[in-house]
Amino acid sequence: MNIRSLFLSRIERNDTSSNALESSANDGSFPANQPGRRRWLAIVVAMLTACTVLGLTACAHNYYAFPAYNFAGRPIPPSQLAQRVLVGVSSNGASTGSLIILDGQHDLRSNIQNTIAGYSISGYSGFPTLILNFPEQLRGYVYSNTSPYTVTSINYSTEASIGSAANFSGASTSLAIAPDFVHVFSAVLANGQLVVVDNSTGGTYPLNLPNVYRVAVNTGDTVALAMVKNSNALYRVVKLPANSVNPPGAIDCEPQILPVYCVVPVPGTFDRPVGATFSLDGSSVYVENCGTECGGGTNGGAGVSVLPQGALYINSIPTSLPYPNVTTNTVSIPGGVTDAILDGTNLYTSGQSLQPDGLFAGNLTIVPLATMVPNAPISISDGTHTRMLFADDNTLWIGSQFCATGERAKRGLNYNCLTRYDLGAGTAAVIPALTAAAPTVPYPNGDNNLQYYGSLTGICWVQNFHKVYTAYGGQVHAFNTASGTEINNTNITVQGTALDVAYMDALTNQAN
């Protein structure tokens, strides 16, 4: 019986012998069993009931409360989750998949009350191989690596698919989009095409560039570069004014009649270029030369080539041959570079160096921008490095793929594909850490390998919560940035294969 019922029953029974409230009320102010006394007791009951309800309400906690003024005016999403991690998931190897939303603050795939089993992006269908994350613009772009090879736009505010942003006639091996979303650049290796999608005109321009397999674009959408597999050549995209003719030395211009876009070579000494990192001030581009790891190493350019962005602008059209070599510096780095990241003071590069036994060993090499003289290489995970990310607690995280056949595996060392580098201490550790005391991974993927998660294909930083989320060996794994220890992933695992992750509520676009 609740409080209100108890009091009313005692009022009806006029239980004066046992009801302290009735006794205190019957002090002469109201004659016993008269309406005034009964009204007074009813008021007391109402007040007690209200206080009880208020107390119970005050004890409850709203785990998904948003501030009155959300960051940058962002709307409250339908899921009510404030720290969302988006996961691209394939359906058990099938050609379809989904986009799952996890609670990155509480490490859950459901809500805390467990009344909602899970969250996802509505209206999405595809094979979500790659997520290009733009939290500043409340937008994401997801590439599906099955026909019709579509780039889908995702609205982070509504947690819904907006529709197709680009389609390609073949599989893309590399994709680049700037935050203004005017252009989509794609390398379609099988077709030998560098595809330019111009959303300002609605046109798609497939430029013929045999064996193209990497593309890169700067934040301002003013420089677009392309790299060719097994080649030391570098190329850039130019846009022609109306009614222009093909510039001299152009590899291809499209359309053939009244051309709009062209691809032209960039002179310089390169050694298997595979990517580019653009300076924070917009002045320079650091071309990553893979060197020996990519079958090169004989051209003398393994490492980083530095070029001014101004000379590579998309509206800078060559008028004569030969093109001038605008390279300002070439920094030699042992083994070459496959990925790089900047913090304004240093350029951090990752790659592999060939060992005397014919295997490769992973290296992190730090290049101070003031001197451009590289520091001594630091041993990190083996494999092809394609993910680098700064995170909380002054850490840098480096991810790679195919680490089980490198030098570490041969020597019986921890050969997993993720490295945590402590920027303050200058020390690197392969994650998850395997020691004599803890010789197995803490949360195995169920593939009967207790020492190796597999390739790392996605990583994001859940800012200010001291954690990073990863797509690691086909499953979601999260790690504490302060210690490098793994967070229990029981409640964030996904059904299917995790292909990529993105932090939807990041403060900046650099959190992925």
Protein backbone atom coordinates (compact mmCIF):
# COMPACT_ATOMS: atom_id res chain seq x y z
CA MET A 1 0.00 0.00 0.00
CA ASN A 2 1.41 3.45 -0.91
CA ILE A 3 1.60 6.43 1.45
CA ARG A 4 -1.46 8.17 0.08
CA SER A 5 -3.63 5.03 0.38
CA LEU A 6 -2.38 4.42 3.91
CA PHE A 7 -3.35 7.88 5.08
CA LEU A 8 -6.73 7.82 3.37
CA SER A 9 -7.55 4.46 4.91
CA ARG A 10 -6.73 5.75 8.32
CA ILE A 11 -8.83 8.84 7.74
CA GLU A 12 -11.80 6.66 6.75
CA ARG A 13 -11.29 4.46 9.81
CA ASN A 14 -10.73 7.47 12.10
CA ASP A 15 -7.90 5.52 13.75
CA THR A 16 -7.11 8.12 16.44
CA SER A 17 -5.29 5.70 18.70
CA SER A 18 -2.52 4.87 16.22
CA ASN A 19 -2.35 7.86 13.88
CA ALA A 20 0.14 10.39 15.15
CA LEU A 21 -0.88 12.93 12.57
CA GLU A 22 -4.51 12.67 13.56
CA SER A 23 -3.59 13.05 17.24
CA SER A 24 -1.52 16.14 16.63
CA ALA A 25 -4.26 17.61 14.50
CA ASN A 26 -6.97 16.98 17.09
CA ASP A 27 -5.70 19.69 19.43
CA GLY A 28 -8.91 21.65 19.59
CA SER A 29 -8.50 23.47 16.33
CA PHE A 30 -11.01 21.16 14.69
CA PRO A 31 -13.63 19.06 16.44
CA ALA A 32 -13.08 15.34 15.87
CA ASN A 33 -14.71 13.80 12.80
CA GLN A 34 -15.79 17.18 11.43
CA PRO A 35 -15.21 18.33 7.78
CA GLY A 36 -12.56 20.91 8.68
CA ARG A 37 -10.35 18.30 10.30
CA ARG A 38 -10.78 15.90 7.40
CA ARG A 39 -9.86 18.66 4.92
CA TRP A 40 -6.72 19.41 6.91
CA LEU A 41 -5.64 15.77 6.85
CA ALA A 42 -6.30 15.60 3.11
CA ILE A 43 -3.97 18.57 2.58
CA VAL A 44 -1.26 16.85 4.64
CA VAL A 45 -1.65 13.68 2.58
CA ALA A 46 -1.38 15.64 -0.69
CA MET A 47 1.74 17.41 0.51
CA LEU A 48 3.39 14.16 1.59
CA THR A 49 2.53 12.55 -1.72
CA ALA A 50 3.99 15.47 -3.67
CA CYS A 51 7.16 15.44 -1.57
CA THR A 52 7.57 11.70 -2.09
CA VAL A 53 7.21 12.01 -5.87
CA LEU A 54 9.61 14.95 -5.91
CA GLY A 55 12.15 13.01 -3.88
CA LEU A 56 11.99 10.00 -6.16
CA THR A 57 12.34 12.22 -9.21
CA ALA A 58 15.35 14.00 -7.73
CA CYS A 59 17.07 10.66 -7.19
CA ALA A 60 16.73 9.76 -10.87
CA HIS A 61 19.60 10.80 -13.18
CA ASN A 62 19.18 11.76 -16.82
CA TYR A 63 22.21 10.14 -18.41
CA TYR A 64 21.50 11.74 -21.78
CA ALA A 65 20.90 15.35 -20.75
CA PHE A 66 22.31 17.96 -23.13
CA PRO A 67 23.47 21.44 -22.10
CA ALA A 68 21.20 24.40 -22.77
CA TYR A 69 23.65 25.59 -25.43
CA ASN A 70 25.14 22.57 -27.15
CA PHE A 71 28.63 22.86 -28.67
CA ALA A 72 28.61 25.01 -31.83
CA GLY A 73 24.82 25.01 -31.78
CA ARG A 74 24.61 21.35 -32.71
CA PRO A 75 21.10 19.92 -32.51
CA ILE A 76 20.24 17.02 -30.23
CA PRO A 77 20.24 13.86 -32.39
CA PRO A 78 17.37 11.35 -32.43
CA SER A 79 19.44 8.78 -30.52
CA GLN A 80 19.92 11.26 -27.63
CA LEU A 81 23.57 10.12 -27.48
CA ALA A 82 26.07 12.89 -26.87
CA GLN A 83 29.30 11.08 -27.78
CA ARG A 84 28.57 8.95 -30.82
CA VAL A 85 30.97 6.55 -32.51
CA LEU A 86 29.91 5.49 -36.00
CA VAL A 87 30.92 1.99 -37.11
CA GLY A 88 30.84 0.71 -40.67
CA VAL A 89 29.82 -2.96 -40.47
CA SER A 90 29.60 -5.61 -43.17
CA SER A 91 27.04 -8.36 -42.82
CA ASN A 92 29.23 -11.40 -42.26
CA GLY A 93 31.21 -10.99 -45.43
CA ALA A 94 28.19 -10.26 -47.62
CA SER A 95 28.06 -7.36 -50.05
CA THR A 96 25.79 -5.35 -47.77
CA GLY A 97 26.21 -3.74 -44.40
CA SER A 98 25.06 -1.05 -42.02
CA LEU A 99 26.20 1.97 -40.04
CA ILE A 100 25.95 1.31 -36.31
CA ILE A 101 26.02 4.09 -33.69
CA LEU A 102 27.71 3.35 -30.35
CA ASP A 103 27.64 5.34 -27.12
CA GLY A 104 31.30 6.34 -26.92
CA GLN A 105 30.93 7.90 -23.49
CA HIS A 106 29.49 4.85 -21.71
CA ASP A 107 30.86 2.19 -24.09
CA LEU A 108 27.50 0.72 -25.01
CA ARG A 109 25.65 -0.28 -28.15
CA SER A 110 22.31 0.14 -26.33
CA ASN A 111 21.11 2.91 -24.06
CA ILE A 112 21.95 2.79 -20.36
CA GLN A 113 18.42 1.82 -19.41
CA ASN A 114 18.68 -1.08 -21.89
CA THR A 115 15.30 -0.18 -23.35
CA ILE A 116 16.78 0.47 -26.81
CA ALA A 117 18.85 -2.42 -28.14
CA GLY A 118 20.88 -0.40 -30.62
CA TYR A 119 21.13 2.60 -32.93
CA SER A 120 21.93 2.93 -36.61
CA ILE A 121 21.87 5.37 -39.53
CA SER A 122 18.44 5.17 -41.12
CA GLY A 123 18.09 4.76 -44.86
CA TYR A 124 21.65 3.53 -45.42
CA SER A 125 22.45 0.51 -47.55
CA GLY A 126 25.84 -0.48 -48.87
CA PHE A 127 29.18 -2.00 -47.93
CA PRO A 128 30.69 0.73 -45.66
CA THR A 129 34.40 0.29 -46.27
CA LEU A 130 35.51 3.86 -45.52
CA ILE A 131 34.07 6.74 -43.47
CA LEU A 132 35.21 10.28 -44.24
CA ASN A 133 34.24 12.16 -41.10
CA PHE A 134 33.36 15.89 -40.96
CA PRO A 135 31.91 16.57 -37.49
CA GLU A 136 32.46 20.33 -37.86
CA GLN A 137 30.00 20.25 -40.77
CA LEU A 138 27.72 17.65 -39.08
CA ARG A 139 28.29 15.41 -42.05
CA GLY A 140 29.96 12.17 -43.03
CA TYR A 141 30.67 10.46 -46.35
CA VAL A 142 30.68 6.67 -46.53
CA TYR A 143 32.17 4.74 -49.42
CA SER A 144 30.62 1.41 -50.40
CA ASN A 145 33.09 -0.95 -52.03
CA THR A 146 30.51 -2.93 -54.00
CA SER A 147 28.74 -2.02 -57.22
CA PRO A 148 27.56 0.66 -57.87
CA TYR A 149 30.55 1.91 -55.80
CA THR A 150 28.70 4.75 -54.16
CA VAL A 151 29.70 7.55 -51.81
CA THR A 152 26.73 8.19 -49.50
CA SER A 153 26.22 11.43 -47.59
CA ILE A 154 25.20 11.05 -43.93
CA ASN A 155 23.46 13.78 -41.92
CA TYR A 156 24.77 13.61 -38.35
CA SER A 157 21.94 15.79 -37.01
CA THR A 158 19.17 13.49 -38.21
CA GLU A 159 21.25 10.27 -38.16
CA ALA A 160 19.98 9.49 -41.63
CA SER A 161 21.29 8.96 -45.13
CA ILE A 162 20.91 11.97 -47.41
CA GLY A 163 21.62 10.00 -50.56
CA SER A 164 24.35 9.44 -53.10
CA ALA A 165 27.12 12.04 -53.36
CA ALA A 166 29.10 10.21 -56.08
CA ASN A 167 29.12 7.00 -58.10
CA PHE A 168 32.05 5.32 -59.84
CA SER A 169 32.20 2.76 -62.62
CA GLY A 170 34.72 0.67 -60.68
CA ALA A 171 36.11 0.13 -57.21
CA SER A 172 37.88 3.10 -55.66
CA THR A 173 41.30 2.41 -54.15
CA SER A 174 41.51 5.91 -52.68
CA LEU A 175 39.05 8.71 -51.99
CA ALA A 176 39.55 12.38 -51.07
CA ILE A 177 36.97 15.03 -50.15
CA ALA A 178 37.54 18.53 -48.76
CA PRO A 179 35.26 20.05 -46.09
CA ASP A 180 33.47 22.29 -48.61
CA PHE A 181 32.22 19.13 -50.40
CA VAL A 182 32.54 20.77 -53.82
CA HIS A 183 34.73 17.99 -55.24
CA VAL A 184 35.10 14.26 -54.80
CA PHE A 185 38.37 12.77 -56.07
CA SER A 186 38.68 9.03 -56.58
CA ALA A 187 41.34 6.66 -57.88
CA VAL A 188 39.70 3.81 -59.81
CA LEU A 189 42.69 1.54 -60.33
CA ALA A 190 41.00 -1.16 -62.40
CA ASN A 191 39.77 1.38 -64.95
CA GLY A 192 42.90 3.53 -64.88
CA GLN A 193 40.82 6.61 -64.08
CA LEU A 194 41.25 9.59 -61.81
CA VAL A 195 37.62 10.58 -61.33
CA VAL A 196 36.66 14.16 -60.48
CA VAL A 197 33.10 14.73 -59.28
CA ASP A 198 32.19 18.42 -59.35
CA ASN A 199 29.13 19.00 -57.17
CA SER A 200 28.99 22.66 -58.13
CA THR A 201 28.08 21.69 -61.70
CA GLY A 202 26.79 18.17 -61.19
CA GLY A 203 29.40 16.81 -63.60
CA THR A 204 31.63 13.75 -63.35
CA TYR A 205 34.94 13.74 -65.20
CA PRO A 206 36.88 10.44 -65.50
CA LEU A 207 40.48 11.41 -66.37
CA ASN A 208 42.53 8.62 -67.92
CA LEU A 209 45.60 7.91 -65.78
CA PRO A 210 46.67 4.25 -65.99
CA ASN A 211 47.40 2.52 -62.66
CA VAL A 212 46.31 5.49 -60.56
CA TYR A 213 45.69 4.27 -57.00
CA ARG A 214 46.07 7.15 -54.54
CA VAL A 215 44.56 10.64 -54.33
CA ALA A 216 44.89 13.49 -51.82
CA VAL A 217 43.27 16.92 -51.46
CA ASN A 218 44.03 19.82 -49.13
CA THR A 219 41.54 21.35 -46.69
CA GLY A 220 40.90 24.33 -48.93
CA ASP A 221 40.06 22.13 -51.93
CA THR A 222 42.68 23.99 -53.97
CA VAL A 223 45.27 21.22 -54.47
CA ALA A 224 44.44 17.69 -55.65
CA LEU A 225 47.24 15.16 -56.18
CA ALA A 226 47.32 11.65 -57.65
CA MET A 227 49.85 8.82 -57.44
CA VAL A 228 50.36 5.87 -59.77
CA LYS A 229 51.12 2.35 -58.57
CA ASN A 230 54.70 1.09 -59.05
CA SER A 231 55.74 4.49 -60.37
CA ASN A 232 57.90 7.42 -59.26
CA ALA A 233 55.55 9.92 -60.90
CA LEU A 234 53.28 12.46 -59.21
CA TYR A 235 50.30 14.17 -60.85
CA ARG A 236 47.89 16.99 -60.08
CA VAL A 237 44.45 18.09 -61.25
CA VAL A 238 43.84 21.42 -63.00
CA LYS A 239 40.54 23.07 -63.89
CA LEU A 240 40.39 25.01 -67.13
CA PRO A 241 38.55 28.27 -67.77
CA ALA A 242 35.67 28.11 -70.19
CA ASN A 243 36.55 27.52 -73.86
CA SER A 244 40.18 26.60 -73.12
CA VAL A 245 42.40 24.19 -75.01
CA ASN A 246 44.39 21.36 -73.46
CA PRO A 247 47.51 22.65 -71.70
CA PRO A 248 50.85 21.37 -73.07
CA GLY A 249 52.00 18.14 -71.45
CA ALA A 250 48.57 17.17 -70.11
CA ILE A 251 48.09 13.42 -69.66
CA ASP A 252 44.34 13.69 -70.31
CA CYS A 253 41.59 16.29 -70.36
CA GLU A 254 37.85 15.65 -70.13
CA PRO A 255 35.52 16.03 -71.87
CA GLN A 256 37.45 15.69 -75.10
CA ILE A 257 35.40 18.53 -76.57
CA LEU A 258 35.35 21.68 -74.43
CA PRO A 259 37.55 20.20 -71.68
CA VAL A 260 36.94 21.19 -68.06
CA TYR A 261 39.47 19.16 -66.02
CA CYS A 262 42.95 17.87 -66.85
CA VAL A 263 45.60 15.80 -65.12
CA VAL A 264 49.20 16.98 -65.53
CA PRO A 265 52.55 15.70 -64.18
CA VAL A 266 54.39 17.29 -61.25
CA PRO A 267 58.17 17.33 -61.83
CA GLY A 268 60.45 16.24 -58.99
CA THR A 269 62.47 13.43 -57.52
CA PHE A 270 59.99 11.01 -55.99
CA ASP A 271 60.33 7.39 -54.92
CA ARG A 272 57.03 5.53 -55.08
CA PRO A 273 54.82 8.38 -53.82
CA VAL A 274 51.72 7.10 -52.01
CA GLY A 275 50.17 10.08 -50.25
CA ALA A 276 50.45 13.68 -49.16
CA THR A 277 50.13 15.64 -45.91
CA PHE A 278 49.30 19.33 -46.11
CA SER A 279 50.74 21.89 -43.70
CA LEU A 280 48.42 23.54 -41.20
CA ASP A 281 49.16 27.02 -42.55
CA GLY A 282 48.42 26.03 -46.15
CA SER A 283 51.91 26.77 -47.41
CA SER A 284 53.48 23.36 -48.02
CA VAL A 285 52.66 19.81 -48.98
CA TYR A 286 54.70 16.86 -47.76
CA VAL A 287 54.61 14.07 -50.35
CA GLU A 288 55.09 10.65 -48.77
CA ASN A 289 57.52 8.45 -50.68
CA CYS A 290 57.18 4.77 -49.84
CA GLY A 291 60.54 3.70 -51.28
CA THR A 292 61.70 0.14 -50.71
CA GLU A 293 58.47 -0.97 -49.03
CA CYS A 294 56.62 -0.30 -52.30
CA GLY A 295 59.26 -1.80 -54.57
CA GLY A 296 61.29 1.38 -55.02
CA GLY A 297 64.31 2.58 -53.13
CA THR A 298 66.52 3.16 -56.14
CA ASN A 299 65.48 6.71 -56.99
CA GLY A 300 67.01 8.42 -53.96
CA GLY A 301 63.76 10.02 -52.85
CA ALA A 302 62.44 7.66 -50.17
CA GLY A 303 61.10 9.80 -47.36
CA VAL A 304 59.35 13.14 -47.77
CA SER A 305 59.37 15.64 -50.64
CA VAL A 306 58.37 19.20 -49.73
CA LEU A 307 56.55 21.34 -52.32
CA PRO A 308 54.78 24.71 -52.10
CA GLN A 309 51.01 24.38 -52.36
CA GLY A 310 50.74 27.60 -54.38
CA ALA A 311 52.53 26.05 -57.34
CA LEU A 312 50.04 23.16 -57.38
CA TYR A 313 46.75 25.05 -57.27
CA ILE A 314 43.96 23.54 -59.30
CA ASN A 315 43.58 26.82 -61.23
CA SER A 316 47.33 27.10 -61.95
CA ILE A 317 47.47 25.97 -65.57
CA PRO A 318 50.78 25.14 -67.25
CA THR A 319 51.46 27.17 -70.39
CA SER A 320 54.74 25.74 -71.66
CA LEU A 321 57.15 22.82 -71.45
CA PRO A 322 59.17 21.72 -69.59
CA TYR A 323 57.36 22.18 -66.29
CA PRO A 324 59.58 23.68 -63.58
CA ASN A 325 60.61 21.51 -60.63
CA VAL A 326 59.13 23.27 -57.59
CA THR A 327 60.39 20.82 -54.92
CA THR A 328 62.01 22.80 -52.10
CA ASN A 329 63.38 19.92 -50.03
CA THR A 330 63.73 16.13 -50.00
CA VAL A 331 64.09 14.52 -46.59
CA SER A 332 65.54 11.01 -46.67
CA ILE A 333 63.93 8.63 -44.17
CA PRO A 334 65.15 5.03 -43.84
CA GLY A 335 62.69 2.66 -45.48
CA GLY A 336 60.43 5.45 -46.72
CA VAL A 337 57.03 6.75 -45.59
CA THR A 338 53.47 5.50 -46.10
CA ASP A 339 51.68 7.92 -43.74
CA ALA A 340 52.35 11.16 -41.90
CA ILE A 341 50.75 13.65 -39.52
CA LEU A 342 51.59 17.19 -38.37
CA ASP A 343 51.24 18.99 -35.05
CA GLY A 344 52.63 22.37 -36.11
CA THR A 345 56.08 21.65 -34.67
CA ASN A 346 56.95 18.19 -35.98
CA LEU A 347 56.13 15.96 -38.91
CA TYR A 348 55.55 12.41 -37.70
CA THR A 349 56.12 9.78 -40.39
CA SER A 350 55.51 6.03 -40.37
CA GLY A 351 56.82 3.33 -42.66
CA GLN A 352 58.90 0.16 -42.80
CA SER A 353 62.56 -0.51 -43.40
CA LEU A 354 63.92 -3.63 -45.06
CA GLN A 355 65.94 -5.88 -42.72
CA PRO A 356 68.89 -8.13 -43.64
CA ASP A 357 66.66 -11.21 -43.40
CA GLY A 358 64.36 -9.83 -46.10
CA LEU A 359 61.51 -8.90 -43.74
CA PHE A 360 60.26 -5.41 -42.93
CA ALA A 361 60.25 -3.63 -39.56
CA GLY A 362 57.97 -0.71 -38.67
CA ASN A 363 59.42 2.71 -37.89
CA LEU A 364 58.19 6.04 -36.57
CA THR A 365 60.45 8.91 -37.60
CA ILE A 366 59.96 12.43 -36.23
CA VAL A 367 61.07 15.35 -38.40
CA PRO A 368 61.27 18.78 -36.66
CA LEU A 369 59.85 21.36 -39.05
CA ALA A 370 62.41 23.95 -37.94
CA THR A 371 65.36 21.91 -39.21
CA MET A 372 63.79 19.22 -41.41
CA VAL A 373 66.47 16.86 -40.08
CA PRO A 374 64.88 13.53 -39.06
CA ASN A 375 65.42 12.06 -35.61
CA ALA A 376 66.48 8.46 -35.13
CA PRO A 377 63.76 5.94 -36.11
CA ILE A 378 61.61 4.47 -33.32
CA SER A 379 60.45 0.86 -33.51
CA ILE A 380 56.66 0.48 -33.89
CA SER A 381 54.23 -2.09 -35.27
CA ASP A 382 55.14 -3.72 -38.57
CA GLY A 383 52.78 -3.68 -41.55
CA THR A 384 51.55 -1.07 -44.00
CA HIS A 385 50.88 2.06 -41.98
CA THR A 386 47.81 4.04 -43.06
CA ARG A 387 46.33 5.45 -39.82
CA MET A 388 47.86 8.14 -37.58
CA LEU A 389 45.95 10.06 -34.93
CA PHE A 390 46.67 12.38 -32.00
CA ALA A 391 44.61 11.75 -28.85
CA ASP A 392 44.28 12.65 -25.17
CA ASP A 393 47.13 12.37 -22.68
CA ASN A 394 49.69 13.66 -25.19
CA THR A 395 49.63 10.49 -27.27
CA LEU A 396 49.98 9.56 -30.93
CA TRP A 397 48.34 6.39 -32.24
CA ILE A 398 49.54 4.58 -35.37
CA GLY A 399 47.66 1.79 -37.13
CA SER A 400 48.73 -0.61 -39.86
CA GLN A 401 47.63 -3.72 -41.74
CA PHE A 402 49.14 -7.16 -42.37
CA CYS A 403 51.54 -7.18 -39.43
CA ALA A 404 51.87 -10.93 -38.92
CA THR A 405 54.61 -11.48 -41.51
CA GLY A 406 57.10 -8.83 -40.37
CA GLU A 407 60.22 -8.79 -38.27
CA ARG A 408 58.34 -8.75 -34.96
CA ALA A 409 56.47 -11.97 -35.67
CA LYS A 410 59.68 -13.73 -36.67
CA ARG A 411 61.43 -12.67 -33.46
CA GLY A 412 58.55 -13.70 -31.22
CA LEU A 413 57.68 -10.13 -30.24
CA ASN A 414 54.24 -8.53 -29.96
CA TYR A 415 53.26 -8.23 -33.62
CA ASN A 416 49.87 -6.51 -33.34
CA CYS A 417 48.98 -3.62 -35.64
CA LEU A 418 48.47 -0.66 -33.27
CA THR A 419 51.12 1.51 -31.63
CA ARG A 420 50.68 4.04 -28.83
CA TYR A 421 53.44 6.66 -28.80
CA ASP A 422 53.84 8.82 -25.69
CA LEU A 423 54.85 12.23 -27.00
CA GLY A 424 56.13 13.39 -23.62
CA ALA A 425 58.14 10.33 -22.65
CA GLY A 426 59.18 9.55 -26.22
CA THR A 427 58.31 5.87 -25.85
CA ALA A 428 56.32 3.54 -28.09
CA ALA A 429 54.32 0.44 -27.18
CA VAL A 430 52.48 -2.04 -29.39
CA ILE A 431 48.83 -2.29 -28.31
CA PRO A 432 47.40 -4.44 -26.84
CA ALA A 433 50.50 -4.98 -24.72
CA LEU A 434 51.55 -8.60 -24.44
CA THR A 435 53.93 -9.56 -21.65
CA ALA A 436 55.11 -12.68 -19.89
CA ALA A 437 52.51 -12.00 -17.21
CA ALA A 438 49.74 -11.32 -19.75
CA PRO A 439 50.72 -13.27 -22.89
CA THR A 440 47.34 -13.12 -24.64
CA VAL A 441 45.12 -10.34 -25.95
CA PRO A 442 42.45 -9.37 -23.38
CA TYR A 443 39.40 -9.65 -25.65
CA PRO A 444 40.04 -12.16 -28.48
CA ASN A 445 38.17 -11.84 -31.74
CA GLY A 446 37.13 -15.47 -31.75
CA ASP A 447 39.51 -16.51 -34.52
CA ASN A 448 41.56 -18.84 -32.29
CA ASN A 449 44.51 -16.43 -32.34
CA LEU A 450 45.11 -15.22 -28.81
CA GLN A 451 48.18 -13.15 -29.68
CA TYR A 452 47.04 -11.17 -32.72
CA TYR A 453 43.93 -9.09 -33.40
CA GLY A 454 44.62 -8.59 -37.11
CA SER A 455 44.76 -5.52 -39.34
CA LEU A 456 43.66 -2.16 -38.03
CA THR A 457 41.38 -0.50 -40.59
CA GLY A 458 39.89 2.38 -38.59
CA ILE A 459 40.60 4.55 -35.56
CA CYS A 460 39.00 7.60 -33.96
CA TRP A 461 39.63 9.72 -30.87
CA VAL A 462 36.75 10.22 -28.43
CA GLN A 463 37.98 13.63 -27.37
CA ASN A 464 38.32 14.50 -23.69
CA PHE A 465 37.17 11.03 -22.62
CA HIS A 466 40.67 9.52 -22.71
CA LYS A 467 39.88 6.80 -25.18
CA VAL A 468 40.26 5.78 -28.80
CA TYR A 469 37.93 3.46 -30.68
CA THR A 470 39.23 1.16 -33.41
CA ALA A 471 38.11 -1.23 -36.10
CA TYR A 472 40.74 -3.81 -35.26
CA GLY A 473 40.81 -7.27 -36.78
CA GLY A 474 37.21 -6.87 -37.91
CA GLN A 475 35.83 -5.98 -34.47
CA VAL A 476 35.46 -2.88 -32.30
CA HIS A 477 38.15 -2.43 -29.66
CA ALA A 478 38.54 0.64 -27.43
CA PHE A 479 41.63 1.72 -25.51
CA ASN A 480 42.44 4.09 -22.67
CA THR A 481 44.77 6.81 -23.91
CA ALA A 482 46.46 7.37 -20.53
CA SER A 483 47.57 3.78 -19.98
CA GLY A 484 47.07 2.04 -23.32
CA THR A 485 44.99 -0.65 -21.63
CA GLU A 486 41.97 -2.03 -23.44
CA ILE A 487 38.47 -1.14 -22.31
CA ASN A 488 36.10 -4.09 -21.96
CA ASN A 489 34.47 -4.33 -25.39
CA THR A 490 31.69 -6.74 -24.43
CA ASN A 491 28.99 -4.11 -24.90
CA ILE A 492 30.42 -2.45 -28.05
CA THR A 493 31.06 -5.46 -30.24
CA VAL A 494 29.10 -5.64 -33.48
CA GLN A 495 27.51 -8.49 -35.40
CA GLY A 496 29.47 -8.77 -38.62
CA THR A 497 32.83 -7.25 -39.52
CA ALA A 498 33.80 -3.77 -38.31
CA LEU A 499 35.45 -1.99 -41.24
CA ASP A 500 35.88 1.61 -40.06
CA VAL A 501 35.02 3.92 -37.16
CA ALA A 502 34.41 7.66 -36.79
CA TYR A 503 33.71 9.95 -33.84
CA MET A 504 30.60 11.82 -34.94
CA ASP A 505 30.65 14.40 -32.13
CA ALA A 506 34.28 15.43 -32.35
CA LEU A 507 35.12 19.09 -31.85
CA THR A 508 37.24 19.15 -35.01
CA ASN A 509 37.60 17.18 -38.22
CA GLN A 510 41.08 16.08 -37.10
CA ALA A 511 39.74 13.56 -34.53
CA ASN A 512 39.80 10.75 -37.13
